[in-house]
Amino acid sequence: MVDAFRKLGIAAVLGTLIFAGVSGCSSLSTDHVDCNAVKLQQQGGRSDAEIASNLGASEADVAKCHGPEHTGNKDSTTAIPTPY
């Protein structure tokens, strides 16, 4: 009976470790690119292909960073009123 509980405990521990390992690996994938890094490299004159190579990402992921900035202010020109 003790051997049965020991085997069950070992199986539970191994199952937990395998599950944790598999789910942990999925969190290591980089589906997103740091758009701040892309912006800085664009300002440095690098192409999307060079940036993708430097960041280890695809050109499509780098292209997602093009466009307007995503800040809390929708219209940055009216964020600070102009004095008259």
PDB file of N, CA and C in Angstrom:
ATOM      1  N   MET A   1       0.826  -1.196   0.000  1.00  0.00           N
ATOM      2  CA  MET A   1       0.000   0.000   0.000  1.00  0.00           C
ATOM      3  C   MET A   1       0.864   1.252   0.000  1.00  0.00           C
ATOM      4  N   VAL A   2       1.950   1.220   0.796  1.00  0.00           N
ATOM      5  CA  VAL A   2       2.855   2.361   0.853  1.00  0.00           C
ATOM      6  C   VAL A   2       3.526   2.557  -0.495  1.00  0.00           C
ATOM      7  N   ASP A   3       3.858   1.450  -1.176  1.00  0.00           N
ATOM      8  CA  ASP A   3       4.479   1.555  -2.493  1.00  0.00           C
ATOM      9  C   ASP A   3       3.530   2.204  -3.503  1.00  0.00           C
ATOM     10  N   ALA A   4       2.245   1.930  -3.381  1.00  0.00           N
ATOM     11  CA  ALA A   4       1.262   2.519  -4.287  1.00  0.00           C
ATOM     12  C   ALA A   4       1.185   4.035  -4.084  1.00  0.00           C
ATOM     13  N   PHE A   5       1.173   4.487  -2.834  1.00  0.00           N
ATOM     14  CA  PHE A   5       1.145   5.932  -2.564  1.00  0.00           C
ATOM     15  C   PHE A   5       2.448   6.609  -2.999  1.00  0.00           C
ATOM     16  N   ARG A   6       3.553   5.912  -2.835  1.00  0.00           N
ATOM     17  CA  ARG A   6       4.843   6.465  -3.246  1.00  0.00           C
ATOM     18  C   ARG A   6       4.865   6.636  -4.763  1.00  0.00           C
ATOM     19  N   LYS A   7       4.396   5.619  -5.490  1.00  0.00           N
ATOM     20  CA  LYS A   7       4.361   5.706  -6.954  1.00  0.00           C
ATOM     21  C   LYS A   7       3.399   6.805  -7.413  1.00  0.00           C
ATOM     22  N   LEU A   8       2.279   6.911  -6.732  1.00  0.00           N
ATOM     23  CA  LEU A   8       1.321   7.958  -7.063  1.00  0.00           C
ATOM     24  C   LEU A   8       1.913   9.342  -6.808  1.00  0.00           C
ATOM     25  N   GLY A   9       2.624   9.491  -5.700  1.00  0.00           N
ATOM     26  CA  GLY A   9       3.273  10.769  -5.383  1.00  0.00           C
ATOM     27  C   GLY A   9       4.337  11.128  -6.395  1.00  0.00           C
ATOM     28  N   ILE A  10       5.146  10.146  -6.785  1.00  0.00           N
ATOM     29  CA  ILE A  10       6.195  10.390  -7.783  1.00  0.00           C
ATOM     30  C   ILE A  10       5.561  10.771  -9.121  1.00  0.00           C
ATOM     31  N   ALA A  11       4.501  10.075  -9.501  1.00  0.00           N
ATOM     32  CA  ALA A  11       3.817  10.395 -10.756  1.00  0.00           C
ATOM     33  C   ALA A  11       3.233  11.804 -10.713  1.00  0.00           C
ATOM     34  N   ALA A  12       2.667  12.194  -9.575  1.00  0.00           N
ATOM     35  CA  ALA A  12       2.094  13.542  -9.446  1.00  0.00           C
ATOM     36  C   ALA A  12       3.177  14.607  -9.555  1.00  0.00           C
ATOM     37  N   VAL A  13       4.323  14.369  -8.916  1.00  0.00           N
ATOM     38  CA  VAL A  13       5.415  15.335  -8.978  1.00  0.00           C
ATOM     39  C   VAL A  13       5.947  15.442 -10.402  1.00  0.00           C
ATOM     40  N   LEU A  14       6.167  14.307 -11.059  1.00  0.00           N
ATOM     41  CA  LEU A  14       6.667  14.341 -12.434  1.00  0.00           C
ATOM     42  C   LEU A  14       5.660  15.015 -13.372  1.00  0.00           C
ATOM     43  N   GLY A  15       4.377  14.723 -13.196  1.00  0.00           N
ATOM     44  CA  GLY A  15       3.357  15.367 -14.023  1.00  0.00           C
ATOM     45  C   GLY A  15       3.334  16.871 -13.832  1.00  0.00           C
ATOM     46  N   THR A  16       3.490  17.304 -12.595  1.00  0.00           N
ATOM     47  CA  THR A  16       3.514  18.740 -12.305  1.00  0.00           C
ATOM     48  C   THR A  16       4.728  19.402 -12.931  1.00  0.00           C
ATOM     49  N   LEU A  17       5.878  18.755 -12.829  1.00  0.00           N
ATOM     50  CA  LEU A  17       7.094  19.319 -13.423  1.00  0.00           C
ATOM     51  C   LEU A  17       6.997  19.393 -14.939  1.00  0.00           C
ATOM     52  N   ILE A  18       6.457  18.361 -15.552  1.00  0.00           N
ATOM     53  CA  ILE A  18       6.308  18.377 -17.004  1.00  0.00           C
ATOM     54  C   ILE A  18       5.327  19.468 -17.420  1.00  0.00           C
ATOM     55  N   PHE A  19       4.211  19.573 -16.721  1.00  0.00           N
ATOM     56  CA  PHE A  19       3.228  20.606 -17.035  1.00  0.00           C
ATOM     57  C   PHE A  19       3.821  21.999 -16.865  1.00  0.00           C
ATOM     58  N   ALA A  20       4.562  22.198 -15.794  1.00  0.00           N
ATOM     59  CA  ALA A  20       5.179  23.506 -15.544  1.00  0.00           C
ATOM     60  C   ALA A  20       6.221  23.816 -16.608  1.00  0.00           C
ATOM     61  N   GLY A  21       6.955  22.817 -17.039  1.00  0.00           N
ATOM     62  CA  GLY A  21       7.960  23.026 -18.075  1.00  0.00           C
ATOM     63  C   GLY A  21       7.349  23.393 -19.407  1.00  0.00           C
ATOM     64  N   VAL A  22       6.272  22.715 -19.772  1.00  0.00           N
ATOM     65  CA  VAL A  22       5.617  22.994 -21.052  1.00  0.00           C
ATOM     66  C   VAL A  22       4.961  24.359 -21.032  1.00  0.00           C
ATOM     67  N   SER A  23       4.277  24.686 -19.960  1.00  0.00           N
ATOM     68  CA  SER A  23       3.608  25.990 -19.909  1.00  0.00           C
ATOM     69  C   SER A  23       4.620  27.113 -19.750  1.00  0.00           C
ATOM     70  N   GLY A  24       5.749  26.845 -19.124  1.00  0.00           N
ATOM     71  CA  GLY A  24       6.789  27.857 -18.978  1.00  0.00           C
ATOM     72  C   GLY A  24       7.449  28.194 -20.290  1.00  0.00           C
ATOM     73  N   CYS A  25       7.613  27.209 -21.154  1.00  0.00           N
ATOM     74  CA  CYS A  25       8.245  27.448 -22.447  1.00  0.00           C
ATOM     75  C   CYS A  25       7.377  28.322 -23.338  1.00  0.00           C
ATOM     76  N   SER A  26       6.075  28.223 -23.202  1.00  0.00           N
ATOM     77  CA  SER A  26       5.211  29.042 -24.033  1.00  0.00           C
ATOM     78  C   SER A  26       5.314  30.515 -23.660  1.00  0.00           C
ATOM     79  N   SER A  27       5.676  30.798 -22.415  1.00  0.00           N
ATOM     80  CA  SER A  27       5.805  32.195 -22.015  1.00  0.00           C
ATOM     81  C   SER A  27       7.129  32.795 -22.477  1.00  0.00           C
ATOM     82  N   LEU A  28       8.041  31.953 -22.951  1.00  0.00           N
ATOM     83  CA  LEU A  28       9.325  32.449 -23.422  1.00  0.00           C
ATOM     84  C   LEU A  28       9.267  32.906 -24.875  1.00  0.00           C
ATOM     85  N   SER A  29       8.206  32.587 -25.590  1.00  0.00           N
ATOM     86  CA  SER A  29       8.118  32.999 -26.976  1.00  0.00           C
ATOM     87  C   SER A  29       7.921  34.505 -27.048  1.00  0.00           C
ATOM     88  N   THR A  30       8.534  35.108 -28.051  1.00  0.00           N
ATOM     89  CA  THR A  30       8.437  36.562 -28.187  1.00  0.00           C
ATOM     90  C   THR A  30       7.558  36.878 -29.382  1.00  0.00           C
ATOM     91  N   ASP A  31       6.275  37.047 -29.129  1.00  0.00           N
ATOM     92  CA  ASP A  31       5.339  37.381 -30.182  1.00  0.00           C
ATOM     93  C   ASP A  31       5.260  38.884 -30.398  1.00  0.00           C
ATOM     94  N   HIS A  32       5.876  39.647 -29.543  1.00  0.00           N
ATOM     95  CA  HIS A  32       5.800  41.088 -29.678  1.00  0.00           C
ATOM     96  C   HIS A  32       7.209  41.676 -29.743  1.00  0.00           C
ATOM     97  N   VAL A  33       7.280  42.855 -30.277  1.00  0.00           N
ATOM     98  CA  VAL A  33       8.556  43.554 -30.434  1.00  0.00           C
ATOM     99  C   VAL A  33       8.482  44.825 -29.601  1.00  0.00           C
ATOM    100  N   ASP A  34       9.578  45.194 -28.988  1.00  0.00           N
ATOM    101  CA  ASP A  34       9.640  46.438 -28.232  1.00  0.00           C
ATOM    102  C   ASP A  34       9.648  47.599 -29.221  1.00  0.00           C
ATOM    103  N   CYS A  35       8.508  48.269 -29.328  1.00  0.00           N
ATOM    104  CA  CYS A  35       8.378  49.346 -30.316  1.00  0.00           C
ATOM    105  C   CYS A  35       9.283  50.534 -30.001  1.00  0.00           C
ATOM    106  N   ASN A  36       9.644  50.708 -28.740  1.00  0.00           N
ATOM    107  CA  ASN A  36      10.589  51.784 -28.416  1.00  0.00           C
ATOM    108  C   ASN A  36      11.950  51.499 -29.028  1.00  0.00           C
ATOM    109  N   ALA A  37      12.374  50.249 -28.995  1.00  0.00           N
ATOM    110  CA  ALA A  37      13.650  49.872 -29.614  1.00  0.00           C
ATOM    111  C   ALA A  37      13.574  50.052 -31.128  1.00  0.00           C
ATOM    112  N   VAL A  38      12.423  49.703 -31.711  1.00  0.00           N
ATOM    113  CA  VAL A  38      12.242  49.871 -33.155  1.00  0.00           C
ATOM    114  C   VAL A  38      12.324  51.350 -33.517  1.00  0.00           C
ATOM    115  N   LYS A  39      11.660  52.187 -32.734  1.00  0.00           N
ATOM    116  CA  LYS A  39      11.648  53.628 -33.016  1.00  0.00           C
ATOM    117  C   LYS A  39      13.066  54.218 -32.933  1.00  0.00           C
ATOM    118  N   LEU A  40      13.801  53.813 -31.912  1.00  0.00           N
ATOM    119  CA  LEU A  40      15.171  54.318 -31.774  1.00  0.00           C
ATOM    120  C   LEU A  40      16.047  53.877 -32.939  1.00  0.00           C
ATOM    121  N   GLN A  41      15.880  52.640 -33.382  1.00  0.00           N
ATOM    122  CA  GLN A  41      16.694  52.168 -34.496  1.00  0.00           C
ATOM    123  C   GLN A  41      16.268  52.811 -35.808  1.00  0.00           C
ATOM    124  N   GLN A  42      14.971  53.124 -35.941  1.00  0.00           N
ATOM    125  CA  GLN A  42      14.510  53.841 -37.134  1.00  0.00           C
ATOM    126  C   GLN A  42      15.106  55.239 -37.175  1.00  0.00           C
ATOM    127  N   GLN A  43      15.168  55.891 -36.013  1.00  0.00           N
ATOM    128  CA  GLN A  43      15.762  57.219 -35.951  1.00  0.00           C
ATOM    129  C   GLN A  43      17.245  57.162 -36.287  1.00  0.00           C
ATOM    130  N   GLY A  44      17.860  56.026 -36.041  1.00  0.00           N
ATOM    131  CA  GLY A  44      19.273  55.838 -36.389  1.00  0.00           C
ATOM    132  C   GLY A  44      19.487  55.542 -37.864  1.00  0.00           C
ATOM    133  N   GLY A  45      18.401  55.420 -38.629  1.00  0.00           N
ATOM    134  CA  GLY A  45      18.507  55.236 -40.066  1.00  0.00           C
ATOM    135  C   GLY A  45      18.525  53.785 -40.514  1.00  0.00           C
ATOM    136  N   ARG A  46      18.137  52.860 -39.651  1.00  0.00           N
ATOM    137  CA  ARG A  46      18.146  51.453 -40.025  1.00  0.00           C
ATOM    138  C   ARG A  46      16.833  51.078 -40.717  1.00  0.00           C
ATOM    139  N   SER A  47      16.931  50.105 -41.614  1.00  0.00           N
ATOM    140  CA  SER A  47      15.747  49.621 -42.326  1.00  0.00           C
ATOM    141  C   SER A  47      15.014  48.597 -41.463  1.00  0.00           C
ATOM    142  N   ASP A  48      13.789  48.260 -41.884  1.00  0.00           N
ATOM    143  CA  ASP A  48      13.005  47.271 -41.141  1.00  0.00           C
ATOM    144  C   ASP A  48      13.711  45.921 -41.120  1.00  0.00           C
ATOM    145  N   ALA A  49      14.370  45.562 -42.220  1.00  0.00           N
ATOM    146  CA  ALA A  49      15.076  44.280 -42.277  1.00  0.00           C
ATOM    147  C   ALA A  49      16.237  44.251 -41.282  1.00  0.00           C
ATOM    148  N   GLU A  50      16.973  45.351 -41.183  1.00  0.00           N
ATOM    149  CA  GLU A  50      18.080  45.431 -40.225  1.00  0.00           C
ATOM    150  C   GLU A  50      17.570  45.379 -38.787  1.00  0.00           C
ATOM    151  N   ILE A  51      16.475  46.094 -38.533  1.00  0.00           N
ATOM    152  CA  ILE A  51      15.902  46.117 -37.185  1.00  0.00           C
ATOM    153  C   ILE A  51      15.410  44.731 -36.802  1.00  0.00           C
ATOM    154  N   ALA A  52      14.729  44.066 -37.730  1.00  0.00           N
ATOM    155  CA  ALA A  52      14.233  42.714 -37.462  1.00  0.00           C
ATOM    156  C   ALA A  52      15.379  41.766 -37.168  1.00  0.00           C
ATOM    157  N   SER A  53      16.462  41.899 -37.907  1.00  0.00           N
ATOM    158  CA  SER A  53      17.633  41.054 -37.674  1.00  0.00           C
ATOM    159  C   SER A  53      18.257  41.339 -36.313  1.00  0.00           C
ATOM    160  N   ASN A  54      18.348  42.607 -35.953  1.00  0.00           N
ATOM    161  CA  ASN A  54      18.942  42.988 -34.661  1.00  0.00           C
ATOM    162  C   ASN A  54      18.109  42.503 -33.485  1.00  0.00           C
ATOM    163  N   LEU A  55      16.782  42.556 -33.618  1.00  0.00           N
ATOM    164  CA  LEU A  55      15.898  42.199 -32.517  1.00  0.00           C
ATOM    165  C   LEU A  55      15.504  40.727 -32.530  1.00  0.00           C
ATOM    166  N   GLY A  56      15.878  39.998 -33.577  1.00  0.00           N
ATOM    167  CA  GLY A  56      15.504  38.599 -33.677  1.00  0.00           C
ATOM    168  C   GLY A  56      14.019  38.425 -33.905  1.00  0.00           C
ATOM    169  N   ALA A  57      13.440  39.314 -34.690  1.00  0.00           N
ATOM    170  CA  ALA A  57      11.999  39.277 -34.955  1.00  0.00           C
ATOM    171  C   ALA A  57      11.778  39.260 -36.459  1.00  0.00           C
ATOM    172  N   SER A  58      10.533  39.130 -36.857  1.00  0.00           N
ATOM    173  CA  SER A  58      10.216  39.168 -38.284  1.00  0.00           C
ATOM    174  C   SER A  58       9.966  40.616 -38.710  1.00  0.00           C
ATOM    175  N   GLU A  59      10.071  40.838 -40.011  1.00  0.00           N
ATOM    176  CA  GLU A  59       9.812  42.190 -40.515  1.00  0.00           C
ATOM    177  C   GLU A  59       8.354  42.576 -40.306  1.00  0.00           C
ATOM    178  N   ALA A  60       7.457  41.609 -40.315  1.00  0.00           N
ATOM    179  CA  ALA A  60       6.039  41.894 -40.075  1.00  0.00           C
ATOM    180  C   ALA A  60       5.818  42.401 -38.658  1.00  0.00           C
ATOM    181  N   ASP A  61       6.538  41.814 -37.692  1.00  0.00           N
ATOM    182  CA  ASP A  61       6.414  42.279 -36.309  1.00  0.00           C
ATOM    183  C   ASP A  61       6.967  43.692 -36.164  1.00  0.00           C
ATOM    184  N   VAL A  62       8.053  43.977 -36.865  1.00  0.00           N
ATOM    185  CA  VAL A  62       8.638  45.326 -36.823  1.00  0.00           C
ATOM    186  C   VAL A  62       7.681  46.319 -37.472  1.00  0.00           C
ATOM    187  N   ALA A  63       7.036  45.913 -38.561  1.00  0.00           N
ATOM    188  CA  ALA A  63       6.113  46.805 -39.270  1.00  0.00           C
ATOM    189  C   ALA A  63       4.901  47.160 -38.409  1.00  0.00           C
ATOM    190  N   LYS A  64       4.549  46.296 -37.447  1.00  0.00           N
ATOM    191  CA  LYS A  64       3.421  46.592 -36.561  1.00  0.00           C
ATOM    192  C   LYS A  64       3.694  47.814 -35.687  1.00  0.00           C
ATOM    193  N   CYS A  65       4.956  48.164 -35.520  1.00  0.00           N
ATOM    194  CA  CYS A  65       5.311  49.313 -34.676  1.00  0.00           C
ATOM    195  C   CYS A  65       5.190  50.637 -35.414  1.00  0.00           C
ATOM    196  N   HIS A  66       4.992  50.601 -36.718  1.00  0.00           N
ATOM    197  CA  HIS A  66       4.822  51.846 -37.475  1.00  0.00           C
ATOM    198  C   HIS A  66       3.442  52.417 -37.185  1.00  0.00           C
ATOM    199  N   GLY A  67       3.334  53.697 -37.272  1.00  0.00           N
ATOM    200  CA  GLY A  67       2.039  54.332 -37.065  1.00  0.00           C
ATOM    201  C   GLY A  67       2.065  55.233 -35.855  1.00  0.00           C
ATOM    202  N   PRO A  68       0.898  55.718 -35.467  1.00  0.00           N
ATOM    203  CA  PRO A  68       0.832  56.655 -34.345  1.00  0.00           C
ATOM    204  C   PRO A  68       1.192  55.982 -33.028  1.00  0.00           C
ATOM    205  N   GLU A  69       1.720  56.781 -32.129  1.00  0.00           N
ATOM    206  CA  GLU A  69       2.056  56.274 -30.802  1.00  0.00           C
ATOM    207  C   GLU A  69       0.783  55.996 -30.027  1.00  0.00           C
ATOM    208  N   HIS A  70       0.846  55.040 -29.150  1.00  0.00           N
ATOM    209  CA  HIS A  70      -0.309  54.676 -28.342  1.00  0.00           C
ATOM    210  C   HIS A  70      -0.137  55.254 -26.949  1.00  0.00           C
ATOM    211  N   THR A  71      -0.547  56.506 -26.796  1.00  0.00           N
ATOM    212  CA  THR A  71      -0.459  57.154 -25.498  1.00  0.00           C
ATOM    213  C   THR A  71      -1.862  57.433 -24.994  1.00  0.00           C
ATOM    214  N   GLY A  72      -1.952  57.918 -23.804  1.00  0.00           N
ATOM    215  CA  GLY A  72      -3.260  58.237 -23.228  1.00  0.00           C
ATOM    216  C   GLY A  72      -3.899  59.436 -23.886  1.00  0.00           C
ATOM    217  N   ASN A  73      -3.102  60.328 -24.443  1.00  0.00           N
ATOM    218  CA  ASN A  73      -3.628  61.523 -25.097  1.00  0.00           C
ATOM    219  C   ASN A  73      -3.917  61.219 -26.551  1.00  0.00           C
ATOM    220  N   LYS A  74      -5.154  61.409 -26.961  1.00  0.00           N
ATOM    221  CA  LYS A  74      -5.523  61.156 -28.353  1.00  0.00           C
ATOM    222  C   LYS A  74      -4.997  62.257 -29.259  1.00  0.00           C
ATOM    223  N   ASP A  75      -5.001  63.489 -28.776  1.00  0.00           N
ATOM    224  CA  ASP A  75      -4.522  64.614 -29.574  1.00  0.00           C
ATOM    225  C   ASP A  75      -3.476  65.338 -28.744  1.00  0.00           C
ATOM    226  N   SER A  76      -2.219  65.112 -29.075  1.00  0.00           N
ATOM    227  CA  SER A  76      -1.160  65.672 -28.240  1.00  0.00           C
ATOM    228  C   SER A  76      -1.015  67.181 -28.416  1.00  0.00           C
ATOM    229  N   THR A  77      -1.611  67.755 -29.455  1.00  0.00           N
ATOM    230  CA  THR A  77      -1.472  69.196 -29.659  1.00  0.00           C
ATOM    231  C   THR A  77      -2.316  69.982 -28.665  1.00  0.00           C
ATOM    232  N   THR A  78      -3.357  69.358 -28.111  1.00  0.00           N
ATOM    233  CA  THR A  78      -4.205  70.074 -27.173  1.00  0.00           C
ATOM    234  C   THR A  78      -3.901  69.694 -25.730  1.00  0.00           C
ATOM    235  N   ALA A  79      -2.865  68.913 -25.502  1.00  0.00           N
ATOM    236  CA  ALA A  79      -2.538  68.488 -24.162  1.00  0.00           C
ATOM    237  C   ALA A  79      -2.072  69.671 -23.301  1.00  0.00           C
ATOM    238  N   ILE A  80      -1.358  70.593 -23.926  1.00  0.00           N
ATOM    239  CA  ILE A  80      -0.883  71.786 -23.212  1.00  0.00           C
ATOM    240  C   ILE A  80      -1.483  72.999 -23.921  1.00  0.00           C
ATOM    241  N   PRO A  81      -2.326  73.748 -23.233  1.00  0.00           N
ATOM    242  CA  PRO A  81      -2.944  74.906 -23.888  1.00  0.00           C
ATOM    243  C   PRO A  81      -1.895  75.993 -24.174  1.00  0.00           C
ATOM    244  N   THR A  82      -2.082  76.654 -25.281  1.00  0.00           N
ATOM    245  CA  THR A  82      -1.156  77.726 -25.651  1.00  0.00           C
ATOM    246  C   THR A  82      -1.559  79.024 -24.951  1.00  0.00           C
ATOM    247  N   PRO A  83      -0.622  79.750 -24.368  1.00  0.00           N
ATOM    248  CA  PRO A  83      -0.961  81.025 -23.705  1.00  0.00           C
ATOM    249  C   PRO A  83      -1.208  82.114 -24.747  1.00  0.00           C
ATOM    250  N   TYR A  84      -2.118  83.027 -24.443  1.00  0.00           N
ATOM    251  CA  TYR A  84      -2.414  84.140 -25.358  1.00  0.00           C
ATOM    252  C   TYR A  84      -1.939  85.432 -24.790  1.00  0.00           C
TER     253      TYR A  84
END
